[in-house]
Amino acid sequence: MLIFLVRRVLAGVGVLVALCVLAFTLLYLGAGDTARTMLGPNAAQEIVDRKTAELGLDRPLVVQLGDWAVHAVQGDLGRSWFSGELVTDALLSRVPVTLSLTIGAVLLSGILAVVLGALAAGRGGAVDRVIQVATIVGSAIPGFLVALLLTVAFAINLRLFPATGYIRPEDSIPGWLSTITLPIVALAIGATASVAQQVRGSMVDALQQDYVRTLHARGLPASRVVYRHVLRNAAGPALTVLGLQFVVLFGGAVIVEQVFSLPGLGQRAVAATAQGDVPIVMGLVIVTAVLVVVVNLAVDLLQAWLNPKVRLS
């Protein structure tokens, strides 16, 4: 198990390094005349040249990348080119908002997907058909449209939740829950549909295995066979899909945060991209990449725990 863990960690670090190098290269090659953009078209060329040197953009790309990497390893991601704010401060204050939405949506979609997938595979017939139709419809509706519909129905018409705004958990737990409930539901619907289909397919295949017939022959209750034995053996593919959905949901949170006016990474990402604020964008790349690597590692460990054969693959 230790060798398995080390291999996965090294693979994750390799992916993180490769992604940072690629993102840095593309961002700085596409940055254009950043100093001119910051100072305006009427600024004197001397002032523009001085600003370019101040930002370090007059140095070769390899030197810039090496300097950035040395500071990044030490936790220094630089400062925003436009606001002068530390990148770590700008992002760390927003990560909890986006992460709470994503984790909440993953947990909700995972629970609903297991319930729906198990019902569809275990009951079959009309129940199976209804759930399949519901999951197809759920996966086809865009997340931003779901967010808008939820806002109109539950925030504007019924007034059960606030339409916009965010309350921090340290200020009020009930208030925090009220501000993130609709965004989490909006994110979770599409993910639930995708994972439920995978759970159903895996369980249908597992129910046809010989060991299931043996368990039934031994007189075990059908519910115990399905939820204790079949579901565990079918959980591997579903976990993989759920791990992929984390990445999708993290990206989808950018749009949902705009709809509900939440101070997460989404707002900062849109503003930094529009301005061409490369240090902020690179910080967003690193945060996203680290989260993806950690989630994939967690999924791999769960897979290895559920199925020891994975450790040998």
Protein backbone atom coordinates (compact mmCIF):
# COMPACT_ATOMS: atom_id res chain seq x y z
CA MET A 1 0.00 0.00 0.00
CA LEU A 2 2.88 2.38 0.76
CA ILE A 3 4.42 1.82 -2.67
CA PHE A 4 1.02 2.45 -4.25
CA LEU A 5 0.68 5.71 -2.32
CA VAL A 6 4.19 6.90 -3.21
CA ARG A 7 3.62 6.20 -6.90
CA ARG A 8 0.37 8.14 -6.90
CA VAL A 9 1.93 11.10 -5.04
CA LEU A 10 4.87 11.26 -7.47
CA ALA A 11 2.49 11.09 -10.43
CA GLY A 12 0.43 13.92 -8.94
CA VAL A 13 3.51 16.09 -8.39
CA GLY A 14 4.60 15.43 -11.98
CA VAL A 15 1.22 16.51 -13.30
CA LEU A 16 1.28 19.63 -11.12
CA VAL A 17 4.75 20.65 -12.34
CA ALA A 18 3.91 20.03 -16.00
CA LEU A 19 0.66 22.00 -15.72
CA CYS A 20 2.36 24.96 -14.03
CA VAL A 21 5.10 25.13 -16.69
CA LEU A 22 2.57 24.94 -19.51
CA ALA A 23 0.22 27.51 -17.96
CA PHE A 24 3.07 29.91 -17.16
CA THR A 25 4.43 29.70 -20.70
CA LEU A 26 1.07 30.22 -22.37
CA LEU A 27 0.06 33.07 -20.08
CA TYR A 28 3.27 35.03 -20.44
CA LEU A 29 3.56 34.47 -24.18
CA GLY A 30 -0.02 35.70 -24.57
CA ALA A 31 0.27 38.59 -22.13
CA GLY A 32 1.24 41.05 -24.86
CA ASP A 33 2.35 44.55 -23.81
CA THR A 34 1.08 44.31 -20.25
CA ALA A 35 2.79 47.48 -19.10
CA ARG A 36 1.14 49.47 -21.89
CA THR A 37 -2.23 47.98 -20.96
CA MET A 38 -1.76 48.96 -17.32
CA LEU A 39 -0.54 52.51 -17.99
CA GLY A 40 -2.82 53.34 -20.89
CA PRO A 41 -2.18 54.16 -24.56
CA ASN A 42 -1.02 57.71 -23.85
CA ALA A 43 1.78 56.79 -21.44
CA ALA A 44 5.31 57.70 -22.49
CA GLN A 45 7.46 54.86 -23.77
CA GLU A 46 10.07 55.49 -21.06
CA ILE A 47 7.47 54.97 -18.37
CA VAL A 48 6.21 51.83 -20.12
CA ASP A 49 9.76 50.44 -20.32
CA ARG A 50 10.32 51.20 -16.64
CA LYS A 51 7.07 49.39 -15.73
CA THR A 52 8.02 46.41 -17.90
CA ALA A 53 11.35 46.14 -16.07
CA GLU A 54 9.57 46.52 -12.72
CA LEU A 55 7.32 43.56 -13.56
CA GLY A 56 10.33 41.57 -14.73
CA LEU A 57 8.87 41.06 -18.18
CA ASP A 58 12.04 42.23 -19.91
CA ARG A 59 13.87 39.06 -18.86
CA PRO A 60 13.94 35.78 -20.84
CA LEU A 61 10.95 33.51 -20.28
CA VAL A 62 13.08 30.74 -18.75
CA VAL A 63 14.51 33.14 -16.19
CA GLN A 64 11.01 34.41 -15.32
CA LEU A 65 9.75 30.83 -14.94
CA GLY A 66 12.67 29.84 -12.72
CA ASP A 67 12.26 32.89 -10.51
CA TRP A 68 8.51 32.32 -10.20
CA ALA A 69 9.01 28.62 -9.37
CA VAL A 70 11.56 29.35 -6.63
CA HIS A 71 9.19 31.79 -4.95
CA ALA A 72 6.15 29.55 -5.50
CA VAL A 73 7.81 26.64 -3.71
CA GLN A 74 8.30 28.96 -0.74
CA GLY A 75 4.61 29.91 -0.81
CA ASP A 76 5.12 33.30 -2.47
CA LEU A 77 2.96 33.54 -5.61
CA GLY A 78 3.73 37.21 -6.16
CA ARG A 79 1.44 40.21 -6.22
CA SER A 80 -1.41 41.27 -8.44
CA TRP A 81 -0.18 43.48 -11.24
CA PHE A 82 -3.18 45.77 -10.91
CA SER A 83 -4.11 45.91 -7.22
CA GLY A 84 -0.73 45.09 -5.66
CA GLU A 85 -2.46 42.56 -3.39
CA LEU A 86 -0.62 39.39 -2.46
CA VAL A 87 -1.89 36.53 -4.62
CA THR A 88 -2.07 34.16 -1.65
CA ASP A 89 -4.19 36.65 0.31
CA ALA A 90 -6.43 37.32 -2.68
CA LEU A 91 -7.14 33.63 -3.24
CA LEU A 92 -7.08 32.12 0.25
CA SER A 93 -9.90 34.37 1.37
CA ARG A 94 -12.03 33.07 -1.51
CA VAL A 95 -11.07 29.39 -1.58
CA PRO A 96 -13.37 28.43 1.35
CA VAL A 97 -16.41 29.77 -0.51
CA THR A 98 -15.77 27.84 -3.72
CA LEU A 99 -14.55 24.76 -1.87
CA SER A 100 -17.62 24.65 0.37
CA LEU A 101 -19.86 24.77 -2.70
CA THR A 102 -17.90 22.06 -4.50
CA ILE A 103 -17.59 19.70 -1.54
CA GLY A 104 -21.25 20.18 -0.64
CA ALA A 105 -22.30 19.46 -4.22
CA VAL A 106 -20.07 16.35 -4.38
CA LEU A 107 -21.46 14.96 -1.12
CA LEU A 108 -25.06 15.69 -2.09
CA SER A 109 -24.68 14.27 -5.59
CA GLY A 110 -22.88 11.19 -4.25
CA ILE A 111 -25.64 10.40 -1.74
CA LEU A 112 -28.44 10.99 -4.23
CA ALA A 113 -26.63 9.06 -6.97
CA VAL A 114 -26.17 5.99 -4.77
CA VAL A 115 -29.82 6.03 -3.72
CA LEU A 116 -31.15 6.53 -7.25
CA GLY A 117 -28.71 4.12 -8.88
CA ALA A 118 -29.39 1.40 -6.32
CA LEU A 119 -33.16 1.85 -6.68
CA ALA A 120 -32.95 1.70 -10.47
CA ALA A 121 -30.79 -1.42 -10.48
CA GLY A 122 -32.55 -3.17 -7.60
CA ARG A 123 -36.18 -2.47 -8.49
CA GLY A 124 -36.01 -2.40 -12.29
CA GLY A 125 -39.19 -2.00 -14.33
CA ALA A 126 -41.02 1.31 -14.16
CA VAL A 127 -38.80 2.63 -11.34
CA ASP A 128 -35.71 2.03 -13.44
CA ARG A 129 -37.20 3.75 -16.48
CA VAL A 130 -38.36 6.79 -14.52
CA ILE A 131 -34.97 7.24 -12.88
CA GLN A 132 -33.15 6.85 -16.20
CA VAL A 133 -35.34 9.52 -17.82
CA ALA A 134 -34.84 11.82 -14.83
CA THR A 135 -31.05 11.42 -14.93
CA ILE A 136 -30.92 12.10 -18.68
CA VAL A 137 -32.97 15.27 -18.25
CA GLY A 138 -30.88 16.33 -15.25
CA SER A 139 -27.60 15.91 -17.09
CA ALA A 140 -28.89 17.85 -20.11
CA ILE A 141 -29.91 21.02 -18.23
CA PRO A 142 -27.04 23.58 -17.94
CA GLY A 143 -25.99 24.45 -14.41
CA PHE A 144 -26.54 28.18 -14.82
CA LEU A 145 -30.12 27.56 -16.00
CA VAL A 146 -30.79 25.38 -12.95
CA ALA A 147 -29.36 28.14 -10.76
CA LEU A 148 -31.66 30.73 -12.33
CA LEU A 149 -34.73 28.48 -11.98
CA LEU A 150 -33.93 27.76 -8.33
CA THR A 151 -33.47 31.47 -7.67
CA VAL A 152 -36.83 32.36 -9.20
CA ALA A 153 -38.69 29.51 -7.48
CA PHE A 154 -37.20 29.41 -3.99
CA ALA A 155 -35.66 32.86 -3.50
CA ILE A 156 -37.97 35.25 -5.35
CA ASN A 157 -41.35 33.50 -5.31
CA LEU A 158 -41.25 31.46 -2.08
CA ARG A 159 -38.63 33.62 -0.31
CA LEU A 160 -37.16 30.61 1.45
CA PHE A 161 -33.56 31.49 0.62
CA PRO A 162 -31.69 34.70 -0.23
CA ALA A 163 -31.31 35.33 -3.95
CA THR A 164 -27.79 36.73 -3.67
CA GLY A 165 -25.12 37.40 -1.09
CA TYR A 166 -22.97 35.34 1.24
CA ILE A 167 -22.79 35.02 5.01
CA ARG A 168 -19.59 33.58 6.45
CA PRO A 169 -19.93 30.58 8.80
CA GLU A 170 -18.09 32.38 11.58
CA ASP A 171 -20.78 35.06 11.51
CA SER A 172 -23.82 32.76 11.42
CA ILE A 173 -24.03 29.04 10.65
CA PRO A 174 -27.76 29.15 9.74
CA GLY A 175 -27.15 32.20 7.59
CA TRP A 176 -24.20 30.51 5.88
CA LEU A 177 -26.29 27.42 5.14
CA SER A 178 -29.08 29.57 3.71
CA THR A 179 -26.70 31.29 1.29
CA ILE A 180 -25.01 28.14 -0.02
CA THR A 181 -27.99 25.76 -0.22
CA LEU A 182 -29.33 26.86 -3.61
CA PRO A 183 -25.85 27.05 -5.21
CA ILE A 184 -25.02 23.54 -3.95
CA VAL A 185 -28.29 22.13 -5.29
CA ALA A 186 -27.73 23.87 -8.64
CA LEU A 187 -24.28 22.32 -8.91
CA ALA A 188 -25.31 18.88 -7.67
CA ILE A 189 -28.17 18.16 -10.08
CA GLY A 190 -26.03 17.56 -13.16
CA ALA A 191 -23.42 15.58 -11.21
CA THR A 192 -26.10 13.42 -9.59
CA ALA A 193 -27.44 12.45 -12.99
CA SER A 194 -24.02 11.39 -14.32
CA VAL A 195 -22.97 9.44 -11.22
CA ALA A 196 -26.40 7.78 -10.80
CA GLN A 197 -26.16 6.37 -14.33
CA GLN A 198 -22.74 4.95 -13.52
CA VAL A 199 -23.94 3.45 -10.22
CA ARG A 200 -26.91 1.83 -11.96
CA GLY A 201 -24.78 0.36 -14.75
CA SER A 202 -22.17 -1.01 -12.35
CA MET A 203 -24.82 -2.52 -10.07
CA VAL A 204 -26.70 -4.13 -12.98
CA ASP A 205 -23.44 -5.81 -14.04
CA ALA A 206 -22.64 -6.85 -10.46
CA LEU A 207 -26.10 -8.33 -9.90
CA GLN A 208 -25.44 -10.79 -12.73
CA GLN A 209 -22.30 -12.20 -11.12
CA ASP A 210 -22.16 -15.71 -9.68
CA TYR A 211 -21.39 -14.57 -6.14
CA VAL A 212 -24.73 -12.72 -5.99
CA ARG A 213 -26.64 -15.89 -6.83
CA THR A 214 -24.60 -17.70 -4.18
CA LEU A 215 -25.49 -15.10 -1.55
CA HIS A 216 -29.19 -15.37 -2.44
CA ALA A 217 -28.96 -19.16 -2.26
CA ARG A 218 -27.55 -18.88 1.26
CA GLY A 219 -30.74 -17.07 2.28
CA LEU A 220 -29.35 -13.58 2.78
CA PRO A 221 -31.97 -10.80 2.53
CA ALA A 222 -32.06 -9.06 -0.84
CA SER A 223 -31.48 -5.65 0.72
CA ARG A 224 -28.33 -6.90 2.47
CA VAL A 225 -27.01 -8.43 -0.74
CA VAL A 226 -27.61 -5.22 -2.68
CA TYR A 227 -26.44 -2.61 -0.20
CA ARG A 228 -23.63 -4.47 1.54
CA HIS A 229 -22.06 -6.64 -1.17
CA VAL A 230 -23.18 -5.50 -4.62
CA LEU A 231 -22.94 -1.77 -3.90
CA ARG A 232 -19.41 -2.05 -2.54
CA ASN A 233 -18.21 -3.99 -5.59
CA ALA A 234 -19.94 -1.51 -7.90
CA ALA A 235 -18.58 1.56 -6.08
CA GLY A 236 -15.22 1.63 -7.89
CA PRO A 237 -16.39 3.03 -11.25
CA ALA A 238 -18.83 5.36 -9.49
CA LEU A 239 -16.00 6.79 -7.36
CA THR A 240 -13.96 7.46 -10.48
CA VAL A 241 -16.85 9.35 -12.07
CA LEU A 242 -17.48 11.25 -8.81
CA GLY A 243 -13.81 12.27 -8.70
CA LEU A 244 -14.07 13.59 -12.25
CA GLN A 245 -17.25 15.40 -11.29
CA PHE A 246 -15.32 17.27 -8.59
CA VAL A 247 -13.25 18.90 -11.33
CA VAL A 248 -16.39 19.69 -13.34
CA LEU A 249 -18.18 21.09 -10.30
CA PHE A 250 -15.18 23.21 -9.29
CA GLY A 251 -15.24 24.77 -12.74
CA GLY A 252 -19.03 25.08 -12.71
CA ALA A 253 -18.86 26.94 -9.41
CA VAL A 254 -17.39 29.89 -11.33
CA ILE A 255 -20.69 30.41 -13.16
CA VAL A 256 -22.92 29.62 -10.20
CA GLU A 257 -21.03 32.11 -8.04
CA GLN A 258 -21.77 34.79 -10.62
CA VAL A 259 -25.50 33.99 -10.52
CA PHE A 260 -25.70 34.13 -6.72
CA SER A 261 -23.08 36.91 -6.28
CA LEU A 262 -20.85 34.79 -4.05
CA PRO A 263 -17.32 36.07 -3.23
CA GLY A 264 -15.57 32.91 -4.40
CA LEU A 265 -12.80 32.19 -6.86
CA GLY A 266 -15.22 32.62 -9.74
CA GLN A 267 -15.52 36.39 -9.41
CA ARG A 268 -11.76 36.79 -9.01
CA ALA A 269 -11.07 34.50 -11.97
CA VAL A 270 -13.35 36.46 -14.29
CA ALA A 271 -11.87 39.81 -13.23
CA ALA A 272 -8.24 38.62 -13.44
CA THR A 273 -8.76 37.05 -16.86
CA ALA A 274 -10.41 40.19 -18.23
CA GLN A 275 -7.56 42.36 -16.92
CA GLY A 276 -4.77 39.99 -17.94
CA ASP A 277 -3.57 39.79 -14.33
CA VAL A 278 -1.17 36.88 -14.87
CA PRO A 279 -0.02 36.37 -11.23
CA ILE A 280 -3.63 35.98 -10.08
CA VAL A 281 -4.43 33.61 -12.95
CA MET A 282 -1.35 31.52 -12.17
CA GLY A 283 -2.43 31.36 -8.54
CA LEU A 284 -5.84 30.11 -9.66
CA VAL A 285 -4.14 27.47 -11.81
CA ILE A 286 -2.09 26.24 -8.87
CA VAL A 287 -5.05 26.15 -6.48
CA THR A 288 -7.16 24.24 -8.98
CA ALA A 289 -4.35 21.83 -9.87
CA VAL A 290 -3.55 21.07 -6.23
CA LEU A 291 -7.20 20.39 -5.44
CA VAL A 292 -7.56 18.11 -8.47
CA VAL A 293 -4.41 16.15 -7.55
CA VAL A 294 -5.54 15.76 -3.94
CA VAL A 295 -9.02 14.60 -4.97
CA ASN A 296 -7.63 12.11 -7.49
CA LEU A 297 -5.26 10.77 -4.84
CA ALA A 298 -8.16 10.37 -2.40
CA VAL A 299 -10.19 8.55 -5.07
CA ASP A 300 -7.25 6.24 -5.83
CA LEU A 301 -6.85 5.40 -2.14
CA LEU A 302 -10.57 4.65 -1.81
CA GLN A 303 -10.38 2.48 -4.91
CA ALA A 304 -7.45 0.58 -3.45
CA TRP A 305 -9.32 0.09 -0.17
CA LEU A 306 -12.43 -1.18 -1.94
CA ASN A 307 -10.56 -3.32 -4.46
CA PRO A 308 -7.06 -4.57 -3.49
CA LYS A 309 -6.40 -5.50 -7.12
CA VAL A 310 -6.07 -1.80 -7.90
CA ARG A 311 -2.89 -1.63 -5.81
CA LEU A 312 -1.22 -4.05 -8.20
CA SER A 313 -2.27 -2.26 -11.37
